[in-house]
Amino acid sequence: MSNVHLIDHPLVQHKLTLMRKKEASTNSFRRLLNELAMLMAYEVTRDMAMQEVEIETPLEKTKAKVIDGKKLVFVSILRAGTGILDGMLSVVPGARVGHIGLYRDPKTLTAVEYYFKMPQDMHERDVVVVDPMLATGNSAIAAVERLKELRPKSIKFVCLLTCPEGVAALQGAHPDVPIYTAAIDRQLNDHGYILPGLGDAGDRIFGTK
C-alpha cells in the first residue's frame, strides 16, 4: 500500500465518524461530506505546481506564489462523486470539472458507462478522480482506464472510504495512480458494500432511500 495516502487528521476522522452514524440526516450527511472534502483537498493538492507572479501589497511590489487551478481537473464519478466535488471546488474554484457516469451492475458488480464528458486539452492537466467509496474497485478501474485514453499529466483517486479488496483491485490495475482516503475499513460483504462503512453514499447524499 505504498501508494495509498491515509488522511488521518483529527478533523477528518471526527467528521467521518459523524457521517457513519445511521441516524445522520440527509442534510447533515451532505454538509459533513462537503466539509470533509474541503479538508481532504488540502492533502490531495499538497504537491500542486506553483508559479511566481508580481503583485503589489499596500506597501510595495513583491513576488508571490500562486497555483494554476485551471490546469487541475476534478473528475466526478456520477452520481455520488458530486458530494466530494462540491467541497473540493470550494477550495480550488478555478479547477475544471469532468464527469463519468458509471453504474454497478447488481448481478455482476461490474461498471457500466453511460456518460463521459471532459474538458479540452486533457494532456496538459492533472486529474483528481472523486468518488466517496472505493469498494470492489470496478468503477474506479473503469474510470481511470477511460481517462488514461486522454493522456493527462497525472491521475489521483480520492475517496472517503475503502477496504483492502478495493485498494488491491485499483493498485493491481493502475499501480501508478495514488489513492487518497480517510479510512481503510475491514472488508466487503457479499453485496459489494464496505463494512463497517456508512451505507450507500449516493442514497445518503441525495435522500433516495
N, C-alpha and C. Protein backbone atom coordinates (compact mmCIF):
# COMPACT_ATOMS: atom_id res chain seq x y z
N MET A 1 0.83 -1.21 0.00
CA MET A 1 0.00 0.00 0.00
C MET A 1 0.86 1.26 0.00
N SER A 2 2.01 1.19 -0.65
CA SER A 2 2.93 2.32 -0.64
C SER A 2 2.36 3.54 -1.36
N ASN A 3 1.38 3.32 -2.22
CA ASN A 3 0.80 4.43 -2.97
C ASN A 3 -0.57 4.83 -2.42
N VAL A 4 -0.84 4.45 -1.16
CA VAL A 4 -2.09 4.81 -0.50
C VAL A 4 -1.79 5.85 0.57
N HIS A 5 -2.50 6.96 0.52
CA HIS A 5 -2.31 8.05 1.47
C HIS A 5 -3.53 8.12 2.39
N LEU A 6 -3.34 7.74 3.65
CA LEU A 6 -4.42 7.78 4.64
C LEU A 6 -4.43 9.15 5.29
N ILE A 7 -5.52 9.89 5.11
CA ILE A 7 -5.64 11.23 5.66
C ILE A 7 -6.29 11.10 7.05
N ASP A 8 -5.44 11.06 8.07
CA ASP A 8 -5.92 10.76 9.42
C ASP A 8 -5.98 11.98 10.32
N HIS A 9 -6.08 13.17 9.73
CA HIS A 9 -6.20 14.38 10.53
C HIS A 9 -7.41 14.26 11.46
N PRO A 10 -7.29 14.72 12.72
CA PRO A 10 -8.40 14.58 13.67
C PRO A 10 -9.73 15.14 13.17
N LEU A 11 -9.71 16.28 12.48
CA LEU A 11 -10.97 16.85 11.98
C LEU A 11 -11.61 15.95 10.92
N VAL A 12 -10.78 15.37 10.07
CA VAL A 12 -11.29 14.44 9.04
C VAL A 12 -11.92 13.23 9.70
N GLN A 13 -11.22 12.64 10.67
CA GLN A 13 -11.74 11.45 11.34
C GLN A 13 -13.01 11.75 12.13
N HIS A 14 -13.07 12.90 12.77
CA HIS A 14 -14.25 13.29 13.55
C HIS A 14 -15.48 13.40 12.65
N LYS A 15 -15.32 14.09 11.53
CA LYS A 15 -16.46 14.28 10.63
C LYS A 15 -16.88 12.96 9.98
N LEU A 16 -15.92 12.11 9.67
CA LEU A 16 -16.24 10.82 9.10
C LEU A 16 -17.05 9.97 10.07
N THR A 17 -16.68 10.01 11.34
CA THR A 17 -17.43 9.26 12.36
C THR A 17 -18.88 9.73 12.43
N LEU A 18 -19.09 11.05 12.38
CA LEU A 18 -20.46 11.58 12.41
C LEU A 18 -21.24 11.14 11.17
N MET A 19 -20.57 11.05 10.03
CA MET A 19 -21.24 10.61 8.80
C MET A 19 -21.62 9.13 8.85
N ARG A 20 -20.83 8.34 9.53
CA ARG A 20 -21.09 6.90 9.59
C ARG A 20 -22.40 6.59 10.34
N LYS A 21 -22.78 7.43 11.28
CA LYS A 21 -23.94 7.13 12.12
C LYS A 21 -25.21 7.01 11.28
N LYS A 22 -25.95 5.94 11.50
CA LYS A 22 -27.14 5.70 10.68
C LYS A 22 -28.22 6.74 10.91
N GLU A 23 -28.20 7.41 12.07
CA GLU A 23 -29.23 8.42 12.34
C GLU A 23 -28.90 9.78 11.74
N ALA A 24 -27.74 9.92 11.12
CA ALA A 24 -27.39 11.20 10.50
C ALA A 24 -28.38 11.53 9.38
N SER A 25 -28.93 12.72 9.39
CA SER A 25 -29.91 13.12 8.39
C SER A 25 -29.24 13.36 7.04
N THR A 26 -30.06 13.40 6.00
CA THR A 26 -29.53 13.71 4.67
C THR A 26 -28.83 15.06 4.67
N ASN A 27 -29.42 16.04 5.33
CA ASN A 27 -28.85 17.38 5.38
C ASN A 27 -27.50 17.38 6.08
N SER A 28 -27.40 16.72 7.23
CA SER A 28 -26.14 16.72 7.97
C SER A 28 -25.09 15.88 7.26
N PHE A 29 -25.50 14.78 6.64
CA PHE A 29 -24.55 13.95 5.88
C PHE A 29 -23.94 14.74 4.74
N ARG A 30 -24.78 15.46 4.03
CA ARG A 30 -24.33 16.25 2.88
C ARG A 30 -23.39 17.37 3.35
N ARG A 31 -23.74 18.04 4.44
CA ARG A 31 -22.91 19.13 4.96
C ARG A 31 -21.56 18.62 5.43
N LEU A 32 -21.57 17.50 6.15
CA LEU A 32 -20.32 16.93 6.64
C LEU A 32 -19.42 16.47 5.49
N LEU A 33 -20.03 15.90 4.46
CA LEU A 33 -19.25 15.47 3.31
C LEU A 33 -18.59 16.65 2.63
N ASN A 34 -19.32 17.75 2.51
CA ASN A 34 -18.76 18.96 1.92
C ASN A 34 -17.56 19.45 2.72
N GLU A 35 -17.70 19.49 4.04
CA GLU A 35 -16.62 19.96 4.90
C GLU A 35 -15.42 19.01 4.85
N LEU A 36 -15.71 17.71 4.85
CA LEU A 36 -14.64 16.72 4.83
C LEU A 36 -13.86 16.78 3.51
N ALA A 37 -14.59 16.98 2.42
CA ALA A 37 -13.94 17.09 1.11
C ALA A 37 -13.01 18.30 1.06
N MET A 38 -13.42 19.41 1.66
CA MET A 38 -12.58 20.59 1.71
C MET A 38 -11.28 20.30 2.47
N LEU A 39 -11.40 19.58 3.59
CA LEU A 39 -10.21 19.25 4.37
C LEU A 39 -9.29 18.30 3.60
N MET A 40 -9.87 17.31 2.92
CA MET A 40 -9.07 16.36 2.16
C MET A 40 -8.37 17.04 0.99
N ALA A 41 -9.00 18.08 0.45
CA ALA A 41 -8.42 18.78 -0.69
C ALA A 41 -7.04 19.36 -0.36
N TYR A 42 -6.84 19.75 0.90
CA TYR A 42 -5.53 20.30 1.28
C TYR A 42 -4.42 19.27 1.09
N GLU A 43 -4.70 18.01 1.46
CA GLU A 43 -3.68 16.97 1.31
C GLU A 43 -3.52 16.55 -0.14
N VAL A 44 -4.63 16.45 -0.86
CA VAL A 44 -4.58 15.98 -2.24
C VAL A 44 -3.82 16.95 -3.13
N THR A 45 -3.91 18.25 -2.83
CA THR A 45 -3.28 19.28 -3.67
C THR A 45 -1.93 19.74 -3.12
N ARG A 46 -1.39 19.02 -2.16
CA ARG A 46 -0.16 19.44 -1.49
C ARG A 46 1.01 19.62 -2.47
N ASP A 47 1.06 18.79 -3.51
CA ASP A 47 2.20 18.85 -4.44
C ASP A 47 1.86 19.56 -5.75
N MET A 48 0.82 20.39 -5.74
CA MET A 48 0.46 21.13 -6.96
C MET A 48 1.57 22.09 -7.36
N ALA A 49 1.77 22.21 -8.66
CA ALA A 49 2.79 23.12 -9.17
C ALA A 49 2.39 24.57 -8.89
N MET A 50 3.40 25.41 -8.64
CA MET A 50 3.16 26.82 -8.36
C MET A 50 4.03 27.68 -9.28
N GLN A 51 3.63 28.92 -9.41
CA GLN A 51 4.43 29.86 -10.19
C GLN A 51 4.45 31.21 -9.47
N GLU A 52 5.49 31.99 -9.74
CA GLU A 52 5.61 33.30 -9.11
C GLU A 52 4.97 34.37 -9.98
N VAL A 53 4.25 35.26 -9.34
CA VAL A 53 3.67 36.40 -10.04
C VAL A 53 4.05 37.66 -9.27
N GLU A 54 4.02 38.76 -9.96
CA GLU A 54 4.31 40.04 -9.30
C GLU A 54 3.00 40.67 -8.86
N ILE A 55 2.95 41.06 -7.58
CA ILE A 55 1.76 41.72 -7.05
C ILE A 55 2.19 42.99 -6.31
N GLU A 56 1.21 43.76 -5.92
CA GLU A 56 1.50 44.97 -5.15
C GLU A 56 0.72 44.91 -3.86
N THR A 57 1.45 44.88 -2.74
CA THR A 57 0.80 44.95 -1.43
C THR A 57 0.51 46.42 -1.13
N PRO A 58 -0.16 46.71 -0.02
CA PRO A 58 -0.37 48.12 0.34
C PRO A 58 0.94 48.89 0.55
N LEU A 59 2.07 48.15 0.68
CA LEU A 59 3.33 48.82 0.98
C LEU A 59 4.33 48.81 -0.17
N GLU A 60 4.33 47.73 -0.99
CA GLU A 60 5.32 47.67 -2.06
C GLU A 60 4.99 46.55 -3.05
N LYS A 61 5.73 46.53 -4.15
CA LYS A 61 5.64 45.44 -5.10
C LYS A 61 6.47 44.26 -4.59
N THR A 62 5.99 43.05 -4.88
CA THR A 62 6.72 41.85 -4.47
C THR A 62 6.35 40.70 -5.38
N LYS A 63 7.09 39.62 -5.28
CA LYS A 63 6.75 38.40 -5.99
C LYS A 63 6.17 37.39 -5.00
N ALA A 64 5.13 36.72 -5.42
CA ALA A 64 4.47 35.73 -4.56
C ALA A 64 3.98 34.56 -5.39
N LYS A 65 3.74 33.43 -4.74
CA LYS A 65 3.39 32.20 -5.44
C LYS A 65 1.88 32.01 -5.55
N VAL A 66 1.45 31.47 -6.69
CA VAL A 66 0.04 31.11 -6.90
C VAL A 66 0.01 29.76 -7.61
N ILE A 67 -1.13 29.07 -7.50
CA ILE A 67 -1.34 27.86 -8.26
C ILE A 67 -2.14 28.20 -9.52
N ASP A 68 -2.03 27.33 -10.51
CA ASP A 68 -2.83 27.50 -11.71
C ASP A 68 -3.96 26.48 -11.63
N GLY A 69 -5.06 26.87 -10.99
CA GLY A 69 -6.19 25.97 -10.80
C GLY A 69 -6.79 25.48 -12.10
N LYS A 70 -6.60 26.26 -13.18
CA LYS A 70 -7.18 25.88 -14.47
C LYS A 70 -6.52 24.64 -15.07
N LYS A 71 -5.35 24.28 -14.55
CA LYS A 71 -4.67 23.09 -15.03
C LYS A 71 -5.14 21.83 -14.29
N LEU A 72 -5.96 22.03 -13.26
CA LEU A 72 -6.46 20.91 -12.45
C LEU A 72 -7.88 20.55 -12.88
N VAL A 73 -8.14 19.26 -12.98
CA VAL A 73 -9.48 18.79 -13.32
C VAL A 73 -9.98 17.86 -12.23
N PHE A 74 -11.11 18.19 -11.64
CA PHE A 74 -11.79 17.25 -10.74
C PHE A 74 -12.76 16.44 -11.58
N VAL A 75 -12.61 15.12 -11.55
CA VAL A 75 -13.49 14.24 -12.31
C VAL A 75 -14.39 13.49 -11.33
N SER A 76 -15.68 13.76 -11.43
CA SER A 76 -16.65 13.15 -10.54
C SER A 76 -17.24 11.90 -11.17
N ILE A 77 -17.18 10.78 -10.44
CA ILE A 77 -17.87 9.57 -10.87
C ILE A 77 -19.31 9.68 -10.39
N LEU A 78 -20.23 9.82 -11.35
CA LEU A 78 -21.64 10.02 -11.01
C LEU A 78 -22.22 8.74 -10.40
N ARG A 79 -23.17 8.90 -9.47
CA ARG A 79 -23.69 10.17 -9.05
C ARG A 79 -23.06 10.66 -7.76
N ALA A 80 -22.55 9.73 -6.95
CA ALA A 80 -22.13 10.06 -5.59
C ALA A 80 -20.90 10.96 -5.54
N GLY A 81 -20.08 10.95 -6.61
CA GLY A 81 -18.89 11.79 -6.61
C GLY A 81 -19.19 13.27 -6.48
N THR A 82 -20.41 13.66 -6.84
CA THR A 82 -20.82 15.06 -6.75
C THR A 82 -20.66 15.60 -5.34
N GLY A 83 -20.89 14.76 -4.34
CA GLY A 83 -20.79 15.20 -2.95
C GLY A 83 -19.39 15.65 -2.58
N ILE A 84 -18.36 14.97 -3.08
CA ILE A 84 -16.98 15.37 -2.83
C ILE A 84 -16.59 16.54 -3.72
N LEU A 85 -17.08 16.53 -4.94
CA LEU A 85 -16.73 17.57 -5.92
C LEU A 85 -17.02 18.98 -5.38
N ASP A 86 -18.18 19.17 -4.80
CA ASP A 86 -18.57 20.49 -4.33
C ASP A 86 -17.60 21.04 -3.29
N GLY A 87 -17.18 20.20 -2.36
CA GLY A 87 -16.25 20.64 -1.33
C GLY A 87 -14.88 20.99 -1.90
N MET A 88 -14.42 20.19 -2.84
CA MET A 88 -13.10 20.45 -3.44
C MET A 88 -13.12 21.72 -4.27
N LEU A 89 -14.23 21.98 -4.97
CA LEU A 89 -14.33 23.21 -5.74
C LEU A 89 -14.37 24.45 -4.85
N SER A 90 -14.81 24.29 -3.62
CA SER A 90 -14.79 25.42 -2.68
C SER A 90 -13.36 25.85 -2.39
N VAL A 91 -12.43 24.89 -2.42
CA VAL A 91 -11.03 25.18 -2.12
C VAL A 91 -10.27 25.60 -3.38
N VAL A 92 -10.59 24.96 -4.52
CA VAL A 92 -9.92 25.29 -5.79
C VAL A 92 -11.00 25.65 -6.81
N PRO A 93 -11.60 26.85 -6.70
CA PRO A 93 -12.72 27.20 -7.57
C PRO A 93 -12.36 27.34 -9.04
N GLY A 94 -11.07 27.50 -9.34
CA GLY A 94 -10.66 27.64 -10.73
C GLY A 94 -10.49 26.33 -11.46
N ALA A 95 -10.65 25.21 -10.76
CA ALA A 95 -10.45 23.90 -11.39
C ALA A 95 -11.53 23.63 -12.43
N ARG A 96 -11.16 22.89 -13.45
CA ARG A 96 -12.13 22.40 -14.43
C ARG A 96 -12.81 21.15 -13.85
N VAL A 97 -13.93 20.76 -14.46
CA VAL A 97 -14.70 19.62 -13.95
C VAL A 97 -15.06 18.68 -15.09
N GLY A 98 -14.84 17.39 -14.86
CA GLY A 98 -15.28 16.36 -15.78
C GLY A 98 -16.23 15.41 -15.08
N HIS A 99 -17.04 14.70 -15.84
CA HIS A 99 -17.99 13.74 -15.27
C HIS A 99 -17.91 12.41 -16.00
N ILE A 100 -17.92 11.33 -15.21
CA ILE A 100 -18.04 9.98 -15.76
C ILE A 100 -19.26 9.33 -15.14
N GLY A 101 -20.20 8.92 -15.98
CA GLY A 101 -21.39 8.23 -15.49
C GLY A 101 -21.17 6.74 -15.53
N LEU A 102 -21.14 6.11 -14.36
CA LEU A 102 -20.97 4.66 -14.24
C LEU A 102 -22.01 4.13 -13.27
N TYR A 103 -22.59 2.99 -13.58
CA TYR A 103 -23.42 2.33 -12.59
C TYR A 103 -22.95 0.89 -12.44
N ARG A 104 -23.19 0.34 -11.26
CA ARG A 104 -22.72 -1.01 -10.97
C ARG A 104 -23.82 -2.01 -11.26
N ASP A 105 -23.53 -2.91 -12.17
CA ASP A 105 -24.49 -3.97 -12.47
C ASP A 105 -24.73 -4.79 -11.21
N PRO A 106 -25.97 -4.87 -10.73
CA PRO A 106 -26.22 -5.54 -9.44
C PRO A 106 -25.90 -7.03 -9.43
N LYS A 107 -25.87 -7.65 -10.60
CA LYS A 107 -25.61 -9.09 -10.65
C LYS A 107 -24.11 -9.38 -10.77
N THR A 108 -23.43 -8.65 -11.66
CA THR A 108 -22.01 -8.92 -11.88
C THR A 108 -21.09 -8.00 -11.10
N LEU A 109 -21.64 -6.89 -10.58
CA LEU A 109 -20.88 -5.86 -9.86
C LEU A 109 -19.87 -5.13 -10.76
N THR A 110 -19.95 -5.35 -12.07
CA THR A 110 -19.06 -4.65 -12.99
C THR A 110 -19.60 -3.26 -13.31
N ALA A 111 -18.71 -2.36 -13.72
CA ALA A 111 -19.10 -0.98 -14.01
C ALA A 111 -19.56 -0.85 -15.46
N VAL A 112 -20.68 -0.17 -15.65
CA VAL A 112 -21.22 0.08 -16.98
C VAL A 112 -21.24 1.60 -17.20
N GLU A 113 -20.59 2.07 -18.27
CA GLU A 113 -20.51 3.50 -18.53
C GLU A 113 -21.72 3.99 -19.32
N TYR A 114 -22.27 5.16 -18.90
CA TYR A 114 -23.38 5.75 -19.65
C TYR A 114 -23.15 7.23 -19.97
N TYR A 115 -22.05 7.83 -19.44
CA TYR A 115 -21.80 9.25 -19.71
C TYR A 115 -20.32 9.53 -19.53
N PHE A 116 -19.76 10.39 -20.41
CA PHE A 116 -18.35 10.75 -20.32
C PHE A 116 -18.15 12.13 -20.95
N LYS A 117 -17.80 13.12 -20.13
CA LYS A 117 -17.62 14.48 -20.61
C LYS A 117 -16.45 15.12 -19.88
N MET A 118 -15.41 15.51 -20.63
CA MET A 118 -14.20 16.07 -20.04
C MET A 118 -13.87 17.42 -20.67
N PRO A 119 -13.08 18.25 -19.96
CA PRO A 119 -12.57 19.50 -20.56
C PRO A 119 -11.63 19.18 -21.73
N GLN A 120 -11.34 20.19 -22.51
CA GLN A 120 -10.40 20.03 -23.61
C GLN A 120 -8.96 20.03 -23.10
N ASP A 121 -8.05 19.61 -23.96
CA ASP A 121 -6.60 19.65 -23.67
C ASP A 121 -6.25 18.90 -22.40
N MET A 122 -6.80 17.71 -22.24
CA MET A 122 -6.55 16.93 -21.03
C MET A 122 -5.08 16.56 -20.87
N HIS A 123 -4.32 16.52 -21.96
CA HIS A 123 -2.91 16.17 -21.88
C HIS A 123 -2.10 17.22 -21.12
N GLU A 124 -2.68 18.40 -20.92
CA GLU A 124 -2.00 19.46 -20.18
C GLU A 124 -2.41 19.51 -18.71
N ARG A 125 -3.28 18.61 -18.29
CA ARG A 125 -3.94 18.77 -17.00
C ARG A 125 -3.63 17.63 -16.01
N ASP A 126 -3.70 17.97 -14.72
CA ASP A 126 -3.63 16.99 -13.65
C ASP A 126 -5.06 16.65 -13.23
N VAL A 127 -5.34 15.36 -13.09
CA VAL A 127 -6.69 14.89 -12.82
C VAL A 127 -6.81 14.34 -11.40
N VAL A 128 -7.88 14.73 -10.72
CA VAL A 128 -8.24 14.15 -9.42
C VAL A 128 -9.61 13.54 -9.56
N VAL A 129 -9.68 12.21 -9.51
CA VAL A 129 -10.95 11.49 -9.62
C VAL A 129 -11.57 11.38 -8.23
N VAL A 130 -12.86 11.71 -8.10
CA VAL A 130 -13.50 11.68 -6.79
C VAL A 130 -14.72 10.76 -6.80
N ASP A 131 -14.80 9.93 -5.77
CA ASP A 131 -15.93 9.03 -5.55
C ASP A 131 -15.90 8.65 -4.07
N PRO A 132 -17.01 8.76 -3.36
CA PRO A 132 -16.97 8.52 -1.91
C PRO A 132 -16.45 7.14 -1.51
N MET A 133 -16.76 6.11 -2.30
CA MET A 133 -16.41 4.75 -1.90
C MET A 133 -15.53 4.06 -2.94
N LEU A 134 -14.47 3.41 -2.48
CA LEU A 134 -13.68 2.51 -3.32
C LEU A 134 -13.92 1.11 -2.74
N ALA A 135 -14.92 0.42 -3.30
CA ALA A 135 -15.35 -0.86 -2.74
C ALA A 135 -14.76 -2.02 -3.55
N THR A 136 -15.48 -2.50 -4.55
CA THR A 136 -14.91 -3.55 -5.40
C THR A 136 -13.76 -3.02 -6.25
N GLY A 137 -13.79 -1.71 -6.52
CA GLY A 137 -12.78 -1.09 -7.36
C GLY A 137 -13.14 -1.08 -8.84
N ASN A 138 -14.23 -1.73 -9.21
CA ASN A 138 -14.58 -1.85 -10.63
C ASN A 138 -14.85 -0.49 -11.28
N SER A 139 -15.61 0.38 -10.59
CA SER A 139 -15.92 1.69 -11.15
C SER A 139 -14.66 2.54 -11.27
N ALA A 140 -13.83 2.51 -10.23
CA ALA A 140 -12.59 3.30 -10.24
C ALA A 140 -11.66 2.84 -11.36
N ILE A 141 -11.53 1.53 -11.52
CA ILE A 141 -10.66 0.99 -12.57
C ILE A 141 -11.15 1.41 -13.95
N ALA A 142 -12.47 1.31 -14.16
CA ALA A 142 -13.06 1.69 -15.45
C ALA A 142 -12.87 3.17 -15.72
N ALA A 143 -13.06 4.00 -14.68
CA ALA A 143 -12.91 5.45 -14.85
C ALA A 143 -11.47 5.81 -15.20
N VAL A 144 -10.51 5.24 -14.51
CA VAL A 144 -9.11 5.55 -14.77
C VAL A 144 -8.70 5.07 -16.16
N GLU A 145 -9.19 3.91 -16.57
CA GLU A 145 -8.88 3.41 -17.91
C GLU A 145 -9.34 4.40 -18.99
N ARG A 146 -10.56 4.91 -18.83
CA ARG A 146 -11.09 5.88 -19.80
C ARG A 146 -10.27 7.16 -19.80
N LEU A 147 -9.90 7.62 -18.61
CA LEU A 147 -9.13 8.86 -18.51
C LEU A 147 -7.74 8.71 -19.11
N LYS A 148 -7.14 7.57 -18.95
CA LYS A 148 -5.80 7.36 -19.50
C LYS A 148 -5.80 7.43 -21.02
N GLU A 149 -6.93 7.19 -21.66
CA GLU A 149 -7.02 7.33 -23.11
C GLU A 149 -6.76 8.78 -23.54
N LEU A 150 -7.02 9.74 -22.63
CA LEU A 150 -6.83 11.16 -22.92
C LEU A 150 -5.43 11.65 -22.53
N ARG A 151 -4.63 10.78 -21.95
CA ARG A 151 -3.24 11.06 -21.58
C ARG A 151 -3.05 12.33 -20.73
N PRO A 152 -3.72 12.44 -19.59
CA PRO A 152 -3.47 13.58 -18.71
C PRO A 152 -2.07 13.50 -18.09
N LYS A 153 -1.59 14.61 -17.54
CA LYS A 153 -0.26 14.65 -16.94
C LYS A 153 -0.17 13.71 -15.74
N SER A 154 -1.24 13.65 -14.94
CA SER A 154 -1.25 12.77 -13.77
C SER A 154 -2.69 12.46 -13.39
N ILE A 155 -2.86 11.38 -12.62
CA ILE A 155 -4.18 10.99 -12.12
C ILE A 155 -4.04 10.61 -10.65
N LYS A 156 -4.93 11.14 -9.81
CA LYS A 156 -5.06 10.71 -8.42
C LYS A 156 -6.50 10.26 -8.19
N PHE A 157 -6.68 9.36 -7.23
CA PHE A 157 -8.03 8.90 -6.89
C PHE A 157 -8.31 9.25 -5.42
N VAL A 158 -9.46 9.90 -5.18
CA VAL A 158 -9.82 10.34 -3.83
C VAL A 158 -11.15 9.71 -3.43
N CYS A 159 -11.18 9.10 -2.24
CA CYS A 159 -12.42 8.53 -1.71
C CYS A 159 -12.48 8.74 -0.20
N LEU A 160 -13.67 8.68 0.35
CA LEU A 160 -13.82 8.75 1.80
C LEU A 160 -13.38 7.45 2.44
N LEU A 161 -13.90 6.36 1.88
CA LEU A 161 -13.70 5.04 2.46
C LEU A 161 -13.22 4.07 1.41
N THR A 162 -12.39 3.12 1.85
CA THR A 162 -12.05 1.99 1.01
C THR A 162 -11.86 0.77 1.91
N CYS A 163 -11.39 -0.31 1.32
CA CYS A 163 -11.18 -1.56 2.04
C CYS A 163 -10.02 -2.27 1.36
N PRO A 164 -9.45 -3.30 1.97
CA PRO A 164 -8.29 -3.97 1.35
C PRO A 164 -8.58 -4.49 -0.05
N GLU A 165 -9.80 -4.98 -0.29
CA GLU A 165 -10.14 -5.51 -1.61
C GLU A 165 -10.13 -4.41 -2.68
N GLY A 166 -10.69 -3.25 -2.34
CA GLY A 166 -10.74 -2.14 -3.29
C GLY A 166 -9.36 -1.59 -3.60
N VAL A 167 -8.54 -1.45 -2.56
CA VAL A 167 -7.18 -0.97 -2.75
C VAL A 167 -6.38 -1.92 -3.64
N ALA A 168 -6.50 -3.21 -3.35
CA ALA A 168 -5.76 -4.21 -4.12
C ALA A 168 -6.19 -4.21 -5.58
N ALA A 169 -7.50 -4.05 -5.83
CA ALA A 169 -8.00 -4.06 -7.20
C ALA A 169 -7.50 -2.87 -7.99
N LEU A 170 -7.61 -1.66 -7.41
CA LEU A 170 -7.20 -0.46 -8.13
C LEU A 170 -5.69 -0.43 -8.32
N GLN A 171 -4.94 -0.81 -7.28
CA GLN A 171 -3.48 -0.81 -7.42
C GLN A 171 -3.01 -1.88 -8.38
N GLY A 172 -3.72 -3.00 -8.42
CA GLY A 172 -3.35 -4.05 -9.35
C GLY A 172 -3.53 -3.62 -10.80
N ALA A 173 -4.61 -2.87 -11.06
CA ALA A 173 -4.89 -2.41 -12.42
C ALA A 173 -4.12 -1.15 -12.79
N HIS A 174 -3.94 -0.25 -11.81
CA HIS A 174 -3.30 1.04 -12.08
C HIS A 174 -2.34 1.38 -10.93
N PRO A 175 -1.20 0.71 -10.87
CA PRO A 175 -0.26 0.94 -9.76
C PRO A 175 0.32 2.35 -9.74
N ASP A 176 0.19 3.09 -10.85
CA ASP A 176 0.74 4.45 -10.93
C ASP A 176 -0.21 5.50 -10.38
N VAL A 177 -1.41 5.12 -9.98
CA VAL A 177 -2.42 6.08 -9.51
C VAL A 177 -2.49 6.05 -7.98
N PRO A 178 -2.06 7.13 -7.32
CA PRO A 178 -2.14 7.17 -5.85
C PRO A 178 -3.58 7.27 -5.37
N ILE A 179 -3.83 6.65 -4.23
CA ILE A 179 -5.16 6.65 -3.61
C ILE A 179 -5.11 7.50 -2.35
N TYR A 180 -6.04 8.43 -2.23
CA TYR A 180 -6.18 9.25 -1.02
C TYR A 180 -7.51 8.89 -0.37
N THR A 181 -7.47 8.52 0.91
CA THR A 181 -8.69 8.10 1.59
C THR A 181 -8.64 8.49 3.06
N ALA A 182 -9.83 8.60 3.67
CA ALA A 182 -9.90 8.93 5.09
C ALA A 182 -9.93 7.68 5.96
N ALA A 183 -10.22 6.51 5.36
CA ALA A 183 -10.27 5.28 6.15
C ALA A 183 -10.17 4.05 5.26
N ILE A 184 -9.50 3.03 5.77
CA ILE A 184 -9.47 1.71 5.12
C ILE A 184 -10.23 0.77 6.04
N ASP A 185 -11.46 0.46 5.69
CA ASP A 185 -12.32 -0.36 6.54
C ASP A 185 -12.00 -1.84 6.41
N ARG A 186 -12.73 -2.66 7.16
CA ARG A 186 -12.37 -4.06 7.35
C ARG A 186 -12.46 -4.91 6.08
N GLN A 187 -13.62 -4.86 5.39
CA GLN A 187 -13.83 -5.80 4.28
C GLN A 187 -15.08 -5.43 3.49
N LEU A 188 -15.29 -6.17 2.39
CA LEU A 188 -16.53 -6.09 1.62
C LEU A 188 -17.47 -7.19 2.09
N ASN A 189 -18.79 -6.92 2.00
CA ASN A 189 -19.75 -8.00 2.23
C ASN A 189 -20.09 -8.68 0.90
N ASP A 190 -21.02 -9.62 0.93
CA ASP A 190 -21.35 -10.39 -0.27
C ASP A 190 -22.01 -9.55 -1.36
N HIS A 191 -22.51 -8.37 -1.00
CA HIS A 191 -23.17 -7.48 -1.97
C HIS A 191 -22.25 -6.37 -2.46
N GLY A 192 -20.98 -6.42 -2.08
CA GLY A 192 -20.02 -5.43 -2.54
C GLY A 192 -20.05 -4.13 -1.77
N TYR A 193 -20.59 -4.15 -0.53
CA TYR A 193 -20.61 -2.96 0.32
C TYR A 193 -19.49 -3.05 1.36
N ILE A 194 -18.93 -1.89 1.69
CA ILE A 194 -17.83 -1.83 2.65
C ILE A 194 -18.37 -1.98 4.08
N LEU A 195 -17.67 -2.80 4.88
CA LEU A 195 -18.00 -2.97 6.30
C LEU A 195 -16.87 -2.45 7.16
N PRO A 196 -17.14 -1.70 8.25
CA PRO A 196 -18.47 -1.25 8.70
C PRO A 196 -19.09 -0.17 7.81
N GLY A 197 -18.26 0.59 7.11
CA GLY A 197 -18.74 1.53 6.11
C GLY A 197 -19.68 2.61 6.62
N LEU A 198 -20.50 3.11 5.70
CA LEU A 198 -21.51 4.12 6.07
C LEU A 198 -22.77 3.98 5.22
N GLY A 199 -22.95 2.79 4.63
CA GLY A 199 -24.12 2.57 3.78
C GLY A 199 -23.84 2.99 2.34
N ASP A 200 -24.90 3.21 1.59
CA ASP A 200 -24.79 3.66 0.20
C ASP A 200 -24.63 5.18 0.19
N ALA A 201 -23.45 5.65 -0.21
CA ALA A 201 -23.16 7.09 -0.14
C ALA A 201 -24.14 7.89 -1.00
N GLY A 202 -24.44 7.41 -2.20
CA GLY A 202 -25.35 8.13 -3.09
C GLY A 202 -26.73 8.30 -2.48
N ASP A 203 -27.26 7.22 -1.91
CA ASP A 203 -28.58 7.29 -1.28
C ASP A 203 -28.57 8.26 -0.11
N ARG A 204 -27.49 8.28 0.65
CA ARG A 204 -27.43 9.15 1.83
C ARG A 204 -27.21 10.61 1.44
N ILE A 205 -26.50 10.85 0.34
CA ILE A 205 -26.31 12.23 -0.11
C ILE A 205 -27.61 12.81 -0.66
N PHE A 206 -28.34 12.02 -1.45
CA PHE A 206 -29.50 12.53 -2.16
C PHE A 206 -30.82 12.15 -1.51
N GLY A 207 -30.79 11.38 -0.43
CA GLY A 207 -32.02 11.04 0.27
C GLY A 207 -32.94 10.16 -0.54
N THR A 208 -32.34 9.24 -1.31
CA THR A 208 -33.15 8.40 -2.20
C THR A 208 -33.49 7.05 -1.60
N LYS A 209 -33.20 6.86 -0.33
CA LYS A 209 -33.62 5.60 0.31
C LYS A 209 -33.88 5.85 1.77
